[in-house]
Amino acid sequence: MASIKDISKLTGLSLATVSRVFNNSPLVSEKTRQKVLKAAEKLDYQPNMMAAALRSGKSKIVGVIVPEINNHFFSGIINSIEKKLSDANYNIIISQSHESEELENKALLSFLKLSVDGVLISISKETTDFSFLKKLMHQKTPVVFFDRTPKLEVASSVVLDDYKGAFMATQHLIDNGCNEIVHIAGDPKVSIFNRRRDGYVDALKENNHRVSENFILTLTHDQETDTTVLKLLFQNNPKIDGIFAHGDEICLYVMNILTTLGIQVPKQVKIIGFGNVDFTEHTYPRISTIDQKSNEMGLLAAEMLLKNLNNEEIIHSQQVLSPELIIREST
């Protein structure tokens, strides 16, 4: 296996100069850098990342935790995070909590043992114990929360204004003539879904529309059960003409159930989702939605973490992204 000594011999450069290249030292000229990299490629040299980490005191690894990777919103965020951190010569380890506090804490414990340089996390719906996060932060490990944030006195975060997005979605349905609007709500354990529910309720109140608890549903994701629930809802309330779903996935799911019930979208019922994930442009009809800014959220979270990785003192900051209404055929 090739070593930096072999590269030094091939290039005629000192060991110190070759080492500076692999440590990204600003003292090395671009000409020298390219000479070393070409020699490394010729010799198939692989840098010893662990040794470099021991020398520098930096692992060059960032831990990322999301509830689910196969969620379109979180996959978009991870894509932006990975690109930004990769450009800054960091590697990432991705863990899924699967909405479990236990699994989330296991991932954080692993990050502690690996001595990651920083953590980016969207907390699970079950998480109430923040001791591992506090331990990381106490050790001066930068932690940035995105989308879902804990109730901590001091924390850095990038979130969307979910209340405003839900208000905009409901207002859009009202502006398009809807009078009886149903909200397909998310799990009440998740704060962002509660804010979306509040936005829906306040939009109805501001427009002097009635607010009915019967029109706020949390579905089971069992299609037979949910089909029965929606069928009874429409039978008992034939004037329902609008639906605001807490997310795009559940919006598509409800659209499919409405089709099986013979209810036409948007002719009989207008429906809007939340997220603006890719598939919303490829359904029939195409789904109106609220852009959740997943790419921007991931990018800003990574940038916020990098700033703290490059500072001696951690500076906590919070950014709130403004949602955008995307109007398509479903409304």
Protein backbone atom coordinates (compact mmCIF):
# COMPACT_ATOMS: atom_id res chain seq x y z
CA MET A 1 0.00 0.00 0.00
CA ALA A 2 1.36 3.41 -1.00
CA SER A 3 2.30 5.97 1.65
CA ILE A 4 3.10 9.68 1.69
CA LYS A 5 6.78 8.67 1.62
CA ASP A 6 6.18 7.12 -1.82
CA ILE A 7 4.48 10.31 -2.98
CA SER A 8 7.36 12.37 -1.60
CA LYS A 9 9.85 10.21 -3.51
CA LEU A 10 7.88 10.37 -6.76
CA THR A 11 7.32 14.14 -6.65
CA GLY A 12 10.62 15.17 -5.10
CA LEU A 13 8.71 17.14 -2.48
CA SER A 14 9.27 16.96 1.27
CA LEU A 15 7.09 14.83 3.55
CA ALA A 16 5.89 18.02 5.25
CA THR A 17 4.70 19.51 1.92
CA VAL A 18 2.87 16.33 0.91
CA SER A 19 1.23 16.19 4.34
CA ARG A 20 0.08 19.80 4.01
CA VAL A 21 -1.71 18.96 0.76
CA PHE A 22 -3.79 16.23 2.41
CA ASN A 23 -4.52 18.48 5.38
CA ASN A 24 -5.84 21.21 3.01
CA SER A 25 -3.25 23.72 4.19
CA PRO A 26 -3.56 27.19 2.61
CA LEU A 27 0.27 27.35 2.54
CA VAL A 28 0.41 25.01 -0.47
CA SER A 29 0.27 26.43 -3.99
CA GLU A 30 -2.27 25.07 -6.47
CA LYS A 31 0.56 23.82 -8.72
CA THR A 32 2.09 21.82 -5.85
CA ARG A 33 -1.34 20.54 -4.79
CA GLN A 34 -2.09 19.21 -8.27
CA LYS A 35 1.36 17.60 -8.50
CA VAL A 36 0.78 15.70 -5.25
CA LEU A 37 -2.79 14.67 -6.15
CA LYS A 38 -1.69 13.31 -9.54
CA ALA A 39 1.07 11.30 -7.86
CA ALA A 40 -1.42 10.00 -5.27
CA GLU A 41 -3.76 8.90 -8.05
CA LYS A 42 -0.92 7.18 -9.92
CA LEU A 43 0.15 5.30 -6.78
CA ASP A 44 -3.48 4.60 -5.73
CA TYR A 45 -2.76 6.26 -2.40
CA GLN A 46 -5.60 6.26 0.16
CA PRO A 47 -5.24 8.77 3.03
CA ASN A 48 -5.53 7.32 6.52
CA MET A 49 -8.53 9.31 7.74
CA MET A 50 -8.32 7.97 11.28
CA ALA A 51 -4.68 8.98 11.64
CA ALA A 52 -5.49 12.43 10.25
CA ALA A 53 -8.32 12.75 12.74
CA LEU A 54 -6.03 11.85 15.64
CA ARG A 55 -3.48 14.45 14.53
CA SER A 56 -5.99 17.24 14.02
CA GLY A 57 -8.41 16.40 16.81
CA LYS A 58 -11.19 16.43 14.18
CA SER A 59 -13.02 13.37 12.86
CA LYS A 60 -14.35 15.22 9.78
CA ILE A 61 -17.59 13.31 10.39
CA VAL A 62 -21.04 14.79 10.98
CA GLY A 63 -23.91 12.72 12.34
CA VAL A 64 -27.38 13.22 10.83
CA ILE A 65 -30.57 11.83 12.38
CA VAL A 66 -34.00 11.89 10.72
CA PRO A 67 -37.24 10.09 11.60
CA GLU A 68 -37.37 8.31 8.21
CA ILE A 69 -35.08 8.36 5.20
CA ASN A 70 -37.80 7.19 2.80
CA ASN A 71 -39.87 10.29 3.58
CA HIS A 72 -39.64 12.58 0.53
CA PHE A 73 -39.19 15.67 2.69
CA PHE A 74 -36.30 14.25 4.73
CA SER A 75 -34.59 12.71 1.69
CA GLY A 76 -34.56 16.18 0.11
CA ILE A 77 -33.00 17.65 3.24
CA ILE A 78 -30.35 14.90 3.43
CA ASN A 79 -29.42 15.48 -0.21
CA SER A 80 -28.74 19.19 0.46
CA ILE A 81 -26.87 18.47 3.69
CA GLU A 82 -24.66 15.85 2.06
CA LYS A 83 -23.72 18.11 -0.85
CA LYS A 84 -22.89 21.09 1.35
CA LEU A 85 -20.82 19.08 3.85
CA SER A 86 -19.09 17.07 1.14
CA ASP A 87 -17.97 20.32 -0.49
CA ALA A 88 -16.46 21.24 2.90
CA ASN A 89 -14.63 17.86 3.06
CA TYR A 90 -16.89 16.33 5.72
CA ASN A 91 -18.39 12.85 5.65
CA ILE A 92 -21.83 12.16 7.09
CA ILE A 93 -23.33 9.23 8.96
CA ILE A 94 -27.10 8.99 8.56
CA SER A 95 -29.30 7.33 11.19
CA GLN A 96 -33.06 6.85 11.34
CA SER A 97 -34.99 7.13 14.59
CA HIS A 98 -38.13 5.55 13.11
CA GLU A 99 -39.96 7.94 15.47
CA SER A 100 -38.40 6.13 18.46
CA GLU A 101 -36.70 7.96 21.32
CA GLU A 102 -34.73 4.79 22.13
CA LEU A 103 -33.32 4.46 18.61
CA GLU A 104 -32.57 8.18 18.48
CA ASN A 105 -30.59 7.97 21.73
CA LYS A 106 -28.71 4.90 20.48
CA ALA A 107 -27.68 6.88 17.40
CA LEU A 108 -26.55 9.82 19.55
CA LEU A 109 -24.55 7.46 21.77
CA SER A 110 -22.84 6.07 18.67
CA PHE A 111 -22.04 9.61 17.57
CA LEU A 112 -20.50 10.31 20.98
CA LYS A 113 -18.29 7.22 20.72
CA LEU A 114 -17.23 8.19 17.19
CA SER A 115 -16.39 11.71 18.36
CA VAL A 116 -18.33 13.29 15.50
CA ASP A 117 -17.55 16.94 14.89
CA GLY A 118 -21.21 17.95 14.80
CA VAL A 119 -24.81 16.72 14.70
CA LEU A 120 -27.80 17.65 12.53
CA ILE A 121 -31.08 16.26 13.82
CA SER A 122 -34.86 16.32 13.40
CA ILE A 123 -36.19 14.79 16.61
CA SER A 124 -38.62 11.87 16.76
CA LYS A 125 -42.21 12.32 17.86
CA GLU A 126 -41.54 10.27 21.00
CA THR A 127 -38.50 12.21 22.20
CA THR A 128 -38.83 13.87 25.59
CA ASP A 129 -35.42 13.00 27.06
CA PHE A 130 -32.71 15.30 25.71
CA SER A 131 -29.87 14.15 27.99
CA PHE A 132 -27.71 12.77 25.15
CA LEU A 133 -28.18 15.96 23.15
CA LYS A 134 -27.31 18.04 26.19
CA LYS A 135 -24.20 15.91 26.75
CA LEU A 136 -23.05 16.54 23.18
CA MET A 137 -23.68 20.25 23.54
CA HIS A 138 -21.90 20.31 26.92
CA GLN A 139 -18.86 18.82 25.18
CA LYS A 140 -18.95 21.78 22.77
CA THR A 141 -20.13 19.59 19.90
CA PRO A 142 -22.26 21.81 17.62
CA VAL A 143 -25.85 20.58 17.24
CA VAL A 144 -28.32 22.05 14.75
CA PHE A 145 -31.99 21.06 14.71
CA PHE A 146 -34.12 21.19 11.58
CA ASP A 147 -37.88 20.93 11.00
CA ARG A 148 -38.63 19.41 14.42
CA THR A 149 -37.01 21.08 17.41
CA PRO A 150 -36.91 20.32 21.15
CA LYS A 151 -37.87 22.64 23.96
CA LEU A 152 -34.38 23.65 25.02
CA GLU A 153 -33.34 27.03 26.35
CA VAL A 154 -30.40 27.31 23.98
CA ALA A 155 -30.39 25.64 20.55
CA SER A 156 -29.62 26.33 16.91
CA SER A 157 -32.37 25.52 14.45
CA VAL A 158 -33.79 25.92 10.95
CA VAL A 159 -37.55 25.50 10.69
CA LEU A 160 -40.49 26.41 8.49
CA ASP A 161 -43.34 28.65 9.59
CA ASP A 162 -45.81 25.75 9.66
CA TYR A 163 -48.62 27.85 11.10
CA LYS A 164 -48.37 30.35 8.26
CA GLY A 165 -48.23 27.57 5.67
CA ALA A 166 -51.40 25.93 7.02
CA PHE A 167 -53.15 29.30 7.18
CA MET A 168 -52.21 29.97 3.54
CA ALA A 169 -53.44 26.54 2.42
CA THR A 170 -56.80 26.94 4.16
CA GLN A 171 -57.18 30.53 2.95
CA HIS A 172 -56.51 29.35 -0.61
CA LEU A 173 -59.38 26.84 -0.35
CA ILE A 174 -61.68 29.54 1.03
CA ASP A 175 -60.67 31.98 -1.72
CA ASN A 176 -61.57 29.28 -4.26
CA GLY A 177 -65.12 28.97 -2.92
CA CYS A 178 -64.79 26.20 -0.33
CA ASN A 179 -67.13 26.51 2.64
CA GLU A 180 -66.94 23.11 4.38
CA ILE A 181 -63.24 22.30 4.80
CA VAL A 182 -61.83 19.15 6.38
CA HIS A 183 -58.34 18.92 7.87
CA ILE A 184 -56.47 15.62 7.71
CA ALA A 185 -54.28 16.17 10.77
CA GLY A 186 -50.89 14.74 11.67
CA ASP A 187 -49.87 13.03 14.90
CA PRO A 188 -50.53 15.47 17.78
CA LYS A 189 -47.26 14.34 19.42
CA VAL A 190 -45.41 16.25 16.69
CA SER A 191 -45.37 20.00 17.32
CA ILE A 192 -45.26 20.99 13.64
CA PHE A 193 -48.55 19.19 13.01
CA ASN A 194 -50.15 21.02 15.91
CA ARG A 195 -49.04 24.33 14.40
CA ARG A 196 -50.57 23.30 11.06
CA ARG A 197 -53.82 22.46 12.80
CA ASP A 198 -53.78 25.87 14.53
CA GLY A 199 -53.22 27.61 11.18
CA TYR A 200 -56.19 25.77 9.69
CA VAL A 201 -58.47 26.65 12.62
CA ASP A 202 -57.47 30.32 12.70
CA ALA A 203 -57.98 30.72 8.95
CA LEU A 204 -61.52 29.39 9.31
CA LYS A 205 -62.22 31.70 12.25
CA GLU A 206 -60.82 34.76 10.48
CA ASN A 207 -63.15 34.10 7.54
CA ASN A 208 -66.18 33.44 9.78
CA HIS A 209 -66.31 29.75 8.80
CA ARG A 210 -67.44 27.23 11.37
CA VAL A 211 -64.83 25.11 13.14
CA SER A 212 -65.92 21.54 13.77
CA GLU A 213 -63.88 18.90 15.59
CA ASN A 214 -65.66 16.35 13.36
CA PHE A 215 -63.84 17.91 10.41
CA ILE A 216 -60.39 17.32 11.94
CA LEU A 217 -59.35 13.72 11.25
CA THR A 218 -56.27 11.63 11.98
CA LEU A 219 -56.27 8.62 9.68
CA THR A 220 -54.99 5.13 10.53
CA HIS A 221 -53.21 4.40 7.20
CA ASP A 222 -55.26 1.21 6.97
CA GLN A 223 -56.98 1.78 3.65
CA GLU A 224 -60.12 -0.21 4.44
CA THR A 225 -60.64 1.58 7.76
CA ASP A 226 -59.86 5.02 6.36
CA THR A 227 -62.12 4.48 3.34
CA THR A 228 -65.00 3.68 5.70
CA VAL A 229 -64.25 6.77 7.83
CA LEU A 230 -64.19 9.12 4.83
CA LYS A 231 -67.26 7.50 3.28
CA LEU A 232 -69.27 8.10 6.46
CA LEU A 233 -67.91 11.64 6.75
CA PHE A 234 -69.12 12.56 3.26
CA GLN A 235 -72.45 10.77 3.73
CA ASN A 236 -73.12 12.75 6.92
CA ASN A 237 -71.71 16.00 5.49
CA PRO A 238 -72.52 16.09 1.76
CA LYS A 239 -71.54 19.78 1.51
CA ILE A 240 -67.84 19.14 2.19
CA ASP A 241 -65.98 20.83 -0.66
CA GLY A 242 -62.40 21.25 0.57
CA ILE A 243 -59.63 19.23 2.24
CA PHE A 244 -56.34 20.43 3.69
CA ALA A 245 -53.96 17.52 4.35
CA HIS A 246 -51.02 17.91 6.71
CA GLY A 247 -48.60 16.40 4.17
CA ASP A 248 -48.34 15.52 0.49
CA GLU A 249 -48.12 11.76 1.06
CA ILE A 250 -51.37 11.72 3.04
CA CYS A 251 -52.89 14.08 0.47
CA LEU A 252 -52.24 11.59 -2.34
CA TYR A 253 -53.52 8.78 -0.14
CA VAL A 254 -56.79 10.65 0.47
CA MET A 255 -57.12 11.52 -3.23
CA ASN A 256 -56.94 7.82 -4.08
CA ILE A 257 -59.64 7.00 -1.52
CA LEU A 258 -61.85 9.78 -2.89
CA THR A 259 -61.49 8.22 -6.36
CA THR A 260 -62.67 4.84 -5.04
CA LEU A 261 -65.67 6.63 -3.48
CA GLY A 262 -66.53 8.29 -6.79
CA ILE A 263 -65.77 11.79 -5.49
CA GLN A 264 -64.13 13.95 -8.16
CA VAL A 265 -61.16 16.23 -7.48
CA PRO A 266 -61.38 19.21 -7.94
CA LYS A 267 -64.91 19.25 -9.38
CA GLN A 268 -66.60 18.14 -6.14
CA VAL A 269 -63.82 18.53 -3.60
CA LYS A 270 -60.71 20.67 -3.78
CA ILE A 271 -57.66 19.31 -1.94
CA ILE A 272 -54.28 20.74 -0.97
CA GLY A 273 -51.24 19.14 0.65
CA PHE A 274 -48.10 20.32 2.42
CA GLY A 275 -44.48 19.76 1.40
CA ASN A 276 -44.20 20.23 -2.38
CA VAL A 277 -42.42 16.90 -2.83
CA ASP A 278 -41.55 15.82 -6.38
CA PHE A 279 -44.49 13.49 -7.06
CA THR A 280 -47.07 16.27 -6.58
CA GLU A 281 -46.26 17.46 -10.11
CA HIS A 282 -46.91 14.02 -11.60
CA THR A 283 -50.30 13.05 -10.17
CA TYR A 284 -53.65 13.48 -11.87
CA PRO A 285 -54.79 16.02 -11.07
CA ARG A 286 -51.51 17.63 -10.02
CA ILE A 287 -51.54 18.48 -6.32
CA SER A 288 -51.65 22.02 -4.96
CA THR A 289 -49.37 22.26 -1.95
CA ILE A 290 -47.28 24.37 0.39
CA ASP A 291 -43.57 24.40 -0.43
CA GLN A 292 -41.80 23.24 2.72
CA LYS A 293 -38.39 24.38 1.40
CA SER A 294 -36.63 21.06 2.12
CA ASN A 295 -33.57 21.84 -0.01
CA GLU A 296 -33.16 25.30 1.49
CA MET A 297 -33.70 23.94 4.99
CA GLY A 298 -30.98 21.31 4.56
CA LEU A 299 -28.57 23.82 3.06
CA LEU A 300 -29.09 26.39 5.82
CA ALA A 301 -28.82 23.77 8.57
CA ALA A 302 -25.51 22.55 7.11
CA GLU A 303 -24.22 26.12 6.73
CA MET A 304 -25.18 26.90 10.32
CA LEU A 305 -23.31 23.82 11.52
CA LEU A 306 -20.22 24.63 9.44
CA LYS A 307 -20.05 28.14 10.89
CA ASN A 308 -19.94 26.67 14.38
CA LEU A 309 -17.41 24.03 13.35
CA ASN A 310 -15.13 26.82 12.18
CA ASN A 311 -15.61 28.97 15.30
CA GLU A 312 -13.97 28.49 18.65
CA GLU A 313 -17.19 29.49 20.40
CA ILE A 314 -20.59 28.05 19.43
CA ILE A 315 -23.02 30.76 18.37
CA HIS A 316 -26.66 29.71 18.58
CA SER A 317 -29.09 31.06 16.00
CA GLN A 318 -32.56 30.34 14.69
CA GLN A 319 -33.88 30.70 11.17
CA VAL A 320 -37.55 30.49 10.20
CA LEU A 321 -38.28 29.90 6.52
CA SER A 322 -41.37 31.37 4.92
CA PRO A 323 -43.64 28.87 3.12
CA GLU A 324 -44.82 29.31 -0.47
CA LEU A 325 -48.22 28.42 -1.93
CA ILE A 326 -47.97 26.23 -5.04
CA ILE A 327 -51.26 26.24 -6.98
CA ARG A 328 -52.05 23.29 -9.23
CA GLU A 329 -55.11 21.49 -10.63
CA SER A 330 -56.30 19.83 -7.39
CA THR A 331 -57.69 23.17 -6.20
